[in-house]
Amino acid sequence: MMTITSSAFIENATIPSVYTCDGDNYNPPLSFGGVPRDAKSLALVFEDPDVPKSIREDGMWNHWVVYNLPPDTQTIFENAAPPGTVGVGTGGLQTYQGPCPPDREHRYFFKLYALDSLIPSTQPLTKEELIQRMQGHLLASAELMGRYGRR
């Protein structure tokens, strides 16, 4: 079974503020395990599905999109560029954007995907474009959920 964990927080726990807009906005350290042997690449999405509908009609904010990570990647270190292609988040940026909920505590999901191919792209992809190109190539997935609410 594929896993994604962080040494900074556990499943369903509070994400430390250093990884948010209230802190240094660093990406947290992440560790991957159980990647299928036949995987050709990994993809990582960091999303907030609790955005007020008045801000985003779909209620989703994509904070980080990374794909074409080598399948032997075991760690993304804190505040480090991942060894893959960084896509475009909802804010239009090609970088990690930490949690910054406007209203209350939100849930934040790090989703890891193992794929049987690389994702072709001539320009950085959005999460929606990535998900579309992943169709038919998914071998396994895992997720880590943390929470954050501004004080």
C-alpha atoms as a PDB file:
ATOM      1  CA  MET A   1       0.000   0.000   0.000  1.00  0.00           C
ATOM      2  CA  MET A   2       1.360   3.410  -0.986  1.00  0.00           C
ATOM      3  CA  THR A   3       1.708   6.019   1.771  1.00  0.00           C
ATOM      4  CA  ILE A   4       2.380   9.715   2.196  1.00  0.00           C
ATOM      5  CA  THR A   5       3.393  11.047   5.620  1.00  0.00           C
ATOM      6  CA  SER A   6       5.021  14.105   7.159  1.00  0.00           C
ATOM      7  CA  SER A   7       7.341  14.421  10.130  1.00  0.00           C
ATOM      8  CA  ALA A   8       5.724  17.840  10.789  1.00  0.00           C
ATOM      9  CA  PHE A   9       2.162  16.628  11.489  1.00  0.00           C
ATOM     10  CA  ILE A  10       0.090  13.454  11.566  1.00  0.00           C
ATOM     11  CA  GLU A  11      -3.133  12.569   9.765  1.00  0.00           C
ATOM     12  CA  ASN A  12      -6.036  14.868  10.726  1.00  0.00           C
ATOM     13  CA  ALA A  13      -3.796  17.036  12.954  1.00  0.00           C
ATOM     14  CA  THR A  14      -3.038  20.745  12.777  1.00  0.00           C
ATOM     15  CA  ILE A  15      -0.494  21.798  10.164  1.00  0.00           C
ATOM     16  CA  PRO A  16       2.170  23.903  11.952  1.00  0.00           C
ATOM     17  CA  SER A  17       1.938  27.592  11.078  1.00  0.00           C
ATOM     18  CA  VAL A  18       5.482  27.687   9.613  1.00  0.00           C
ATOM     19  CA  TYR A  19       3.965  25.897   6.573  1.00  0.00           C
ATOM     20  CA  THR A  20       1.176  28.484   6.162  1.00  0.00           C
ATOM     21  CA  CYS A  21       0.677  32.110   5.114  1.00  0.00           C
ATOM     22  CA  ASP A  22       0.893  33.014   8.810  1.00  0.00           C
ATOM     23  CA  GLY A  23       4.429  31.621   9.008  1.00  0.00           C
ATOM     24  CA  ASP A  24       7.255  31.169   6.510  1.00  0.00           C
ATOM     25  CA  ASN A  25       5.012  29.519   3.890  1.00  0.00           C
ATOM     26  CA  TYR A  26       7.470  26.613   3.596  1.00  0.00           C
ATOM     27  CA  ASN A  27       6.346  23.316   2.158  1.00  0.00           C
ATOM     28  CA  PRO A  28       6.357  20.668   4.897  1.00  0.00           C
ATOM     29  CA  PRO A  29       8.635  17.648   4.703  1.00  0.00           C
ATOM     30  CA  LEU A  30       6.884  14.730   3.003  1.00  0.00           C
ATOM     31  CA  SER A  31       7.814  11.045   2.810  1.00  0.00           C
ATOM     32  CA  PHE A  32       6.511   8.483   0.337  1.00  0.00           C
ATOM     33  CA  GLY A  33       6.408   4.722   0.762  1.00  0.00           C
ATOM     34  CA  GLY A  34       5.050   1.656  -0.985  1.00  0.00           C
ATOM     35  CA  VAL A  35       5.304   3.087  -4.500  1.00  0.00           C
ATOM     36  CA  PRO A  36       4.503   0.327  -7.024  1.00  0.00           C
ATOM     37  CA  ARG A  37       7.594  -1.111  -8.701  1.00  0.00           C
ATOM     38  CA  ASP A  38       6.173  -0.498 -12.169  1.00  0.00           C
ATOM     39  CA  ALA A  39       5.536   3.210 -11.549  1.00  0.00           C
ATOM     40  CA  LYS A  40       7.170   5.515 -14.095  1.00  0.00           C
ATOM     41  CA  SER A  41       6.366   8.778 -12.287  1.00  0.00           C
ATOM     42  CA  LEU A  42       4.644  10.310  -9.274  1.00  0.00           C
ATOM     43  CA  ALA A  43       2.319  13.290  -9.046  1.00  0.00           C
ATOM     44  CA  LEU A  44       1.479  15.349  -5.972  1.00  0.00           C
ATOM     45  CA  VAL A  45      -1.454  17.691  -5.436  1.00  0.00           C
ATOM     46  CA  PHE A  46      -2.072  19.830  -2.339  1.00  0.00           C
ATOM     47  CA  GLU A  47      -5.649  21.100  -2.166  1.00  0.00           C
ATOM     48  CA  ASP A  48      -8.223  22.776   0.061  1.00  0.00           C
ATOM     49  CA  PRO A  49     -11.817  21.644  -0.631  1.00  0.00           C
ATOM     50  CA  ASP A  50     -13.328  23.937   2.040  1.00  0.00           C
ATOM     51  CA  VAL A  51     -13.092  27.317   0.289  1.00  0.00           C
ATOM     52  CA  PRO A  52     -16.234  29.465   0.679  1.00  0.00           C
ATOM     53  CA  LYS A  53     -18.398  29.337  -2.450  1.00  0.00           C
ATOM     54  CA  SER A  54     -18.387  33.151  -2.446  1.00  0.00           C
ATOM     55  CA  ILE A  55     -14.642  32.996  -3.194  1.00  0.00           C
ATOM     56  CA  ARG A  56     -14.555  29.949  -5.489  1.00  0.00           C
ATOM     57  CA  GLU A  57     -17.747  28.513  -6.914  1.00  0.00           C
ATOM     58  CA  ASP A  58     -16.282  24.986  -6.915  1.00  0.00           C
ATOM     59  CA  GLY A  59     -15.106  25.348  -3.294  1.00  0.00           C
ATOM     60  CA  MET A  60     -11.585  24.169  -4.207  1.00  0.00           C
ATOM     61  CA  TRP A  61      -8.194  25.862  -3.959  1.00  0.00           C
ATOM     62  CA  ASN A  62      -5.145  24.097  -5.380  1.00  0.00           C
ATOM     63  CA  HIS A  63      -2.072  25.059  -3.351  1.00  0.00           C
ATOM     64  CA  TRP A  64       0.598  22.935  -5.055  1.00  0.00           C
ATOM     65  CA  VAL A  65       0.748  20.832  -8.204  1.00  0.00           C
ATOM     66  CA  VAL A  66       3.832  18.707  -8.922  1.00  0.00           C
ATOM     67  CA  TYR A  67       4.177  15.950 -11.505  1.00  0.00           C
ATOM     68  CA  ASN A  68       6.806  13.831 -13.254  1.00  0.00           C
ATOM     69  CA  LEU A  69       8.503  13.190  -9.933  1.00  0.00           C
ATOM     70  CA  PRO A  70      10.889  10.234 -10.310  1.00  0.00           C
ATOM     71  CA  PRO A  71       9.179   7.073  -9.004  1.00  0.00           C
ATOM     72  CA  ASP A  72      12.063   6.441  -6.578  1.00  0.00           C
ATOM     73  CA  THR A  73      11.433   9.769  -4.814  1.00  0.00           C
ATOM     74  CA  GLN A  74      11.068   9.002  -1.112  1.00  0.00           C
ATOM     75  CA  THR A  75      11.226  12.487   0.366  1.00  0.00           C
ATOM     76  CA  ILE A  76      10.491  16.097  -0.393  1.00  0.00           C
ATOM     77  CA  PHE A  77      12.409  18.073   2.185  1.00  0.00           C
ATOM     78  CA  GLU A  78      11.062  21.094   4.056  1.00  0.00           C
ATOM     79  CA  ASN A  79      11.230  24.288   1.987  1.00  0.00           C
ATOM     80  CA  ALA A  80      12.846  22.417  -0.917  1.00  0.00           C
ATOM     81  CA  ALA A  81      12.102  22.307  -4.613  1.00  0.00           C
ATOM     82  CA  PRO A  82      10.643  18.904  -5.491  1.00  0.00           C
ATOM     83  CA  PRO A  83      12.457  16.842  -8.155  1.00  0.00           C
ATOM     84  CA  GLY A  84       9.667  17.127 -10.723  1.00  0.00           C
ATOM     85  CA  THR A  85       7.704  19.651 -12.740  1.00  0.00           C
ATOM     86  CA  VAL A  86       5.827  22.238 -10.702  1.00  0.00           C
ATOM     87  CA  GLY A  87       2.436  23.037 -12.169  1.00  0.00           C
ATOM     88  CA  VAL A  88       0.158  26.023 -11.689  1.00  0.00           C
ATOM     89  CA  GLY A  89      -1.955  26.432  -8.559  1.00  0.00           C
ATOM     90  CA  THR A  90      -5.281  28.223  -8.270  1.00  0.00           C
ATOM     91  CA  GLY A  91      -3.503  31.482  -7.451  1.00  0.00           C
ATOM     92  CA  GLY A  92      -1.695  31.300 -10.796  1.00  0.00           C
ATOM     93  CA  LEU A  93       1.665  30.645  -9.157  1.00  0.00           C
ATOM     94  CA  GLN A  94       4.137  27.856  -9.899  1.00  0.00           C
ATOM     95  CA  THR A  95       5.127  27.264  -6.304  1.00  0.00           C
ATOM     96  CA  TYR A  96       3.935  25.913  -2.975  1.00  0.00           C
ATOM     97  CA  GLN A  97       1.235  28.107  -1.435  1.00  0.00           C
ATOM     98  CA  GLY A  98       0.599  27.304   2.205  1.00  0.00           C
ATOM     99  CA  PRO A  99      -2.766  27.122   3.922  1.00  0.00           C
ATOM    100  CA  CYS A 100      -4.417  30.511   4.370  1.00  0.00           C
ATOM    101  CA  PRO A 101      -8.110  29.952   5.137  1.00  0.00           C
ATOM    102  CA  PRO A 102     -10.160  33.165   5.012  1.00  0.00           C
ATOM    103  CA  ASP A 103     -12.915  32.159   7.400  1.00  0.00           C
ATOM    104  CA  ARG A 104     -12.421  29.118   9.655  1.00  0.00           C
ATOM    105  CA  GLU A 105     -10.455  25.892   9.990  1.00  0.00           C
ATOM    106  CA  HIS A 106     -10.103  24.084   6.669  1.00  0.00           C
ATOM    107  CA  ARG A 107      -8.996  20.583   5.679  1.00  0.00           C
ATOM    108  CA  TYR A 108      -5.914  20.326   3.468  1.00  0.00           C
ATOM    109  CA  PHE A 109      -5.146  17.219   1.436  1.00  0.00           C
ATOM    110  CA  PHE A 110      -1.755  16.131   0.114  1.00  0.00           C
ATOM    111  CA  LYS A 111      -2.590  13.573  -2.590  1.00  0.00           C
ATOM    112  CA  LEU A 112       0.105  11.350  -4.052  1.00  0.00           C
ATOM    113  CA  TYR A 113      -0.400   9.417  -7.287  1.00  0.00           C
ATOM    114  CA  ALA A 114       1.755   6.671  -8.817  1.00  0.00           C
ATOM    115  CA  LEU A 115       1.495   6.567 -12.613  1.00  0.00           C
ATOM    116  CA  ASP A 116       2.556   4.120 -15.307  1.00  0.00           C
ATOM    117  CA  SER A 117       3.922   6.924 -17.501  1.00  0.00           C
ATOM    118  CA  LEU A 118       5.343  10.418 -17.499  1.00  0.00           C
ATOM    119  CA  ILE A 119       2.860  13.244 -18.035  1.00  0.00           C
ATOM    120  CA  PRO A 120       3.506  14.995 -21.345  1.00  0.00           C
ATOM    121  CA  SER A 121       3.325  18.770 -21.247  1.00  0.00           C
ATOM    122  CA  THR A 122       4.890  21.672 -23.087  1.00  0.00           C
ATOM    123  CA  GLN A 123       3.805  24.158 -20.427  1.00  0.00           C
ATOM    124  CA  PRO A 124       3.069  23.855 -16.691  1.00  0.00           C
ATOM    125  CA  LEU A 125      -0.263  22.132 -16.030  1.00  0.00           C
ATOM    126  CA  THR A 126      -3.067  23.061 -13.669  1.00  0.00           C
ATOM    127  CA  LYS A 127      -4.464  20.375 -11.370  1.00  0.00           C
ATOM    128  CA  GLU A 128      -7.447  19.925 -13.673  1.00  0.00           C
ATOM    129  CA  GLU A 129      -5.198  19.417 -16.706  1.00  0.00           C
ATOM    130  CA  LEU A 130      -2.999  17.026 -14.728  1.00  0.00           C
ATOM    131  CA  ILE A 131      -5.962  14.932 -13.521  1.00  0.00           C
ATOM    132  CA  GLN A 132      -7.235  14.718 -17.103  1.00  0.00           C
ATOM    133  CA  ARG A 133      -3.850  13.512 -18.404  1.00  0.00           C
ATOM    134  CA  MET A 134      -3.554  10.975 -15.575  1.00  0.00           C
ATOM    135  CA  GLN A 135      -6.700   9.151 -16.741  1.00  0.00           C
ATOM    136  CA  GLY A 136      -5.908   5.516 -17.502  1.00  0.00           C
ATOM    137  CA  HIS A 137      -2.414   5.776 -15.974  1.00  0.00           C
ATOM    138  CA  LEU A 138      -3.106   5.542 -12.232  1.00  0.00           C
ATOM    139  CA  LEU A 139      -1.444   2.625 -10.421  1.00  0.00           C
ATOM    140  CA  ALA A 140      -1.940   3.689  -6.796  1.00  0.00           C
ATOM    141  CA  SER A 141      -2.763   6.709  -4.658  1.00  0.00           C
ATOM    142  CA  ALA A 142      -2.401   7.868  -1.079  1.00  0.00           C
ATOM    143  CA  GLU A 143      -3.350  10.962   0.879  1.00  0.00           C
ATOM    144  CA  LEU A 144      -2.454  12.882   3.999  1.00  0.00           C
ATOM    145  CA  MET A 145      -4.932  15.330   5.488  1.00  0.00           C
ATOM    146  CA  GLY A 146      -4.067  18.133   7.864  1.00  0.00           C
ATOM    147  CA  ARG A 147      -6.116  21.002   9.254  1.00  0.00           C
ATOM    148  CA  TYR A 148      -5.427  24.685   9.665  1.00  0.00           C
ATOM    149  CA  GLY A 149      -7.405  27.635  10.998  1.00  0.00           C
ATOM    150  CA  ARG A 150      -6.036  31.146  11.350  1.00  0.00           C
ATOM    151  CA  ARG A 151      -5.965  32.588  14.862  1.00  0.00           C
END
